[in-house]
Amino acid sequence: MKALVEAIAKALVDNPDQVQVRAIEGEQITVFELRVHPSDLGIVIGHQGRNAKAIRTILSAVGMKLRKRFTLEILDWCRLLKNNSMLRKLTRAAMSVERARNVNAK
């Protein structure tokens, strides 16, 4: 799945060498963190979030078949630092991933 997200992102962007995908696996959910060059962020998100929604839809369809949940987080550290609400959302997502890791460890 990580390779799928990476392939889709690389096909969209102008700087494919800057695409990074990190998979954080929990018991029931896998979070894919996608990082791209700041100039490619708009392309990956798309107009009104359409590209991001399309990638999430593909992940959801595959997840149904595999009986697992997949989510996509598109990260841009420059904007995160400027936008506190986005930082709070990311912090909440990271905390839920950490909780999932703790459950798996037990």
C-alpha atoms as a PDB file:
ATOM      1  CA  MET A   1       0.000   0.000   0.000  1.00  0.00           C
ATOM      2  CA  LYS A   2       2.859   2.340   0.768  1.00  0.00           C
ATOM      3  CA  ALA A   3       4.183   1.785  -2.751  1.00  0.00           C
ATOM      4  CA  LEU A   4       0.743   2.568  -4.187  1.00  0.00           C
ATOM      5  CA  VAL A   5       0.501   5.901  -2.369  1.00  0.00           C
ATOM      6  CA  GLU A   6       4.067   6.728  -3.392  1.00  0.00           C
ATOM      7  CA  ALA A   7       3.424   5.841  -7.058  1.00  0.00           C
ATOM      8  CA  ILE A   8       0.266   7.971  -7.215  1.00  0.00           C
ATOM      9  CA  ALA A   9       2.002  10.942  -5.569  1.00  0.00           C
ATOM     10  CA  LYS A  10       5.067  10.676  -7.811  1.00  0.00           C
ATOM     11  CA  ALA A  11       2.830  10.626 -10.892  1.00  0.00           C
ATOM     12  CA  LEU A  12       1.185  13.891  -9.799  1.00  0.00           C
ATOM     13  CA  VAL A  13       4.116  16.040  -8.687  1.00  0.00           C
ATOM     14  CA  ASP A  14       6.861  17.988 -10.456  1.00  0.00           C
ATOM     15  CA  ASN A  15       9.510  16.834  -7.952  1.00  0.00           C
ATOM     16  CA  PRO A  16       9.033  13.046  -7.642  1.00  0.00           C
ATOM     17  CA  ASP A  17      12.373  12.642  -5.866  1.00  0.00           C
ATOM     18  CA  GLN A  18      10.985  14.716  -2.962  1.00  0.00           C
ATOM     19  CA  VAL A  19       8.027  12.363  -2.315  1.00  0.00           C
ATOM     20  CA  GLN A  20       8.226  10.528   1.016  1.00  0.00           C
ATOM     21  CA  VAL A  21       5.646   8.111   2.362  1.00  0.00           C
ATOM     22  CA  ARG A  22       5.770   6.708   5.870  1.00  0.00           C
ATOM     23  CA  ALA A  23       3.376   3.998   7.022  1.00  0.00           C
ATOM     24  CA  ILE A  24       2.406   3.910  10.687  1.00  0.00           C
ATOM     25  CA  GLU A  25       0.642   0.650  11.351  1.00  0.00           C
ATOM     26  CA  GLY A  26      -1.789   0.072  14.165  1.00  0.00           C
ATOM     27  CA  GLU A  27      -3.911  -2.943  14.956  1.00  0.00           C
ATOM     28  CA  GLN A  28      -6.921  -1.784  12.941  1.00  0.00           C
ATOM     29  CA  ILE A  29      -5.662   1.229  11.043  1.00  0.00           C
ATOM     30  CA  THR A  30      -2.652   2.223   8.995  1.00  0.00           C
ATOM     31  CA  VAL A  31      -1.824   5.911   8.622  1.00  0.00           C
ATOM     32  CA  PHE A  32       0.171   6.931   5.570  1.00  0.00           C
ATOM     33  CA  GLU A  33       2.058  10.184   6.042  1.00  0.00           C
ATOM     34  CA  LEU A  34       2.790  11.793   2.690  1.00  0.00           C
ATOM     35  CA  ARG A  35       5.384  14.530   2.399  1.00  0.00           C
ATOM     36  CA  VAL A  36       6.054  16.368  -0.847  1.00  0.00           C
ATOM     37  CA  HIS A  37       8.043  19.399  -1.923  1.00  0.00           C
ATOM     38  CA  PRO A  38       6.201  22.566  -0.774  1.00  0.00           C
ATOM     39  CA  SER A  39       5.639  23.648  -4.392  1.00  0.00           C
ATOM     40  CA  ASP A  40       3.872  20.330  -5.104  1.00  0.00           C
ATOM     41  CA  LEU A  41       1.535  20.454  -2.132  1.00  0.00           C
ATOM     42  CA  GLY A  42      -1.274  22.124  -4.073  1.00  0.00           C
ATOM     43  CA  ILE A  43      -1.030  19.538  -6.841  1.00  0.00           C
ATOM     44  CA  VAL A  44      -1.307  16.619  -4.417  1.00  0.00           C
ATOM     45  CA  ILE A  45      -4.234  18.176  -2.574  1.00  0.00           C
ATOM     46  CA  GLY A  46      -5.921  19.342  -5.767  1.00  0.00           C
ATOM     47  CA  HIS A  47      -8.693  21.870  -6.302  1.00  0.00           C
ATOM     48  CA  GLN A  48     -10.997  21.722  -3.262  1.00  0.00           C
ATOM     49  CA  GLY A  49      -9.102  18.632  -2.096  1.00  0.00           C
ATOM     50  CA  ARG A  50     -10.195  16.455  -5.000  1.00  0.00           C
ATOM     51  CA  ASN A  51      -6.864  14.699  -5.574  1.00  0.00           C
ATOM     52  CA  ALA A  52      -6.402  13.992  -1.878  1.00  0.00           C
ATOM     53  CA  LYS A  53      -9.978  12.713  -1.677  1.00  0.00           C
ATOM     54  CA  ALA A  54      -9.397  10.451  -4.700  1.00  0.00           C
ATOM     55  CA  ILE A  55      -6.297   8.922  -3.109  1.00  0.00           C
ATOM     56  CA  ARG A  56      -8.208   8.406   0.143  1.00  0.00           C
ATOM     57  CA  THR A  57     -11.051   6.763  -1.808  1.00  0.00           C
ATOM     58  CA  ILE A  58      -8.620   4.296  -3.386  1.00  0.00           C
ATOM     59  CA  LEU A  59      -7.157   3.515   0.038  1.00  0.00           C
ATOM     60  CA  SER A  60     -10.646   2.997   1.419  1.00  0.00           C
ATOM     61  CA  ALA A  61     -11.602   0.616  -1.402  1.00  0.00           C
ATOM     62  CA  VAL A  62      -8.474  -1.471  -0.914  1.00  0.00           C
ATOM     63  CA  GLY A  63      -9.037  -1.382   2.829  1.00  0.00           C
ATOM     64  CA  MET A  64     -12.509  -2.834   2.412  1.00  0.00           C
ATOM     65  CA  LYS A  65     -11.075  -5.796   0.553  1.00  0.00           C
ATOM     66  CA  LEU A  66      -8.320  -6.306   3.136  1.00  0.00           C
ATOM     67  CA  ARG A  67     -10.670  -5.546   6.063  1.00  0.00           C
ATOM     68  CA  LYS A  68      -8.368  -2.840   7.361  1.00  0.00           C
ATOM     69  CA  ARG A  69      -8.639   0.948   7.571  1.00  0.00           C
ATOM     70  CA  PHE A  70      -6.171   3.177   5.794  1.00  0.00           C
ATOM     71  CA  THR A  71      -5.901   6.934   6.171  1.00  0.00           C
ATOM     72  CA  LEU A  72      -3.776   9.489   4.379  1.00  0.00           C
ATOM     73  CA  GLU A  73      -2.198  12.494   6.040  1.00  0.00           C
ATOM     74  CA  ILE A  74      -0.549  15.020   3.742  1.00  0.00           C
ATOM     75  CA  LEU A  75       2.126  16.778   5.718  1.00  0.00           C
ATOM     76  CA  ASP A  76       3.832  20.084   5.065  1.00  0.00           C
ATOM     77  CA  TRP A  77       5.975  21.223   7.962  1.00  0.00           C
ATOM     78  CA  CYS A  78       6.283  24.827   6.793  1.00  0.00           C
ATOM     79  CA  ARG A  79       2.537  25.345   6.785  1.00  0.00           C
ATOM     80  CA  LEU A  80       2.053  23.342   9.962  1.00  0.00           C
ATOM     81  CA  LEU A  81       4.268  25.732  11.844  1.00  0.00           C
ATOM     82  CA  LYS A  82       2.299  28.695  10.512  1.00  0.00           C
ATOM     83  CA  ASN A  83      -1.134  27.181  11.068  1.00  0.00           C
ATOM     84  CA  ASN A  84      -1.790  26.157  14.670  1.00  0.00           C
ATOM     85  CA  SER A  85      -5.145  24.504  13.932  1.00  0.00           C
ATOM     86  CA  MET A  86      -3.443  22.146  11.513  1.00  0.00           C
ATOM     87  CA  LEU A  87      -0.767  21.478  14.103  1.00  0.00           C
ATOM     88  CA  ARG A  88      -3.449  20.572  16.650  1.00  0.00           C
ATOM     89  CA  LYS A  89      -5.034  18.149  14.170  1.00  0.00           C
ATOM     90  CA  LEU A  90      -1.678  16.544  13.486  1.00  0.00           C
ATOM     91  CA  THR A  91      -0.966  16.298  17.205  1.00  0.00           C
ATOM     92  CA  ARG A  92      -4.326  14.581  17.780  1.00  0.00           C
ATOM     93  CA  ALA A  93      -3.623  12.160  14.920  1.00  0.00           C
ATOM     94  CA  ALA A  94      -0.162  11.408  16.287  1.00  0.00           C
ATOM     95  CA  MET A  95      -1.612  10.805  19.746  1.00  0.00           C
ATOM     96  CA  SER A  96      -4.180   8.356  18.355  1.00  0.00           C
ATOM     97  CA  VAL A  97      -1.429   6.548  16.449  1.00  0.00           C
ATOM     98  CA  GLU A  98       0.643   6.412  19.623  1.00  0.00           C
ATOM     99  CA  ARG A  99      -2.331   4.971  21.509  1.00  0.00           C
ATOM    100  CA  ALA A 100      -2.687   2.323  18.797  1.00  0.00           C
ATOM    101  CA  ARG A 101       1.010   1.482  19.139  1.00  0.00           C
ATOM    102  CA  ASN A 102       0.636   1.123  22.916  1.00  0.00           C
ATOM    103  CA  VAL A 103      -2.305  -1.227  22.480  1.00  0.00           C
ATOM    104  CA  ASN A 104      -0.254  -3.318  20.044  1.00  0.00           C
ATOM    105  CA  ALA A 105       2.687  -3.450  22.445  1.00  0.00           C
ATOM    106  CA  LYS A 106       0.574  -4.984  25.208  1.00  0.00           C
END
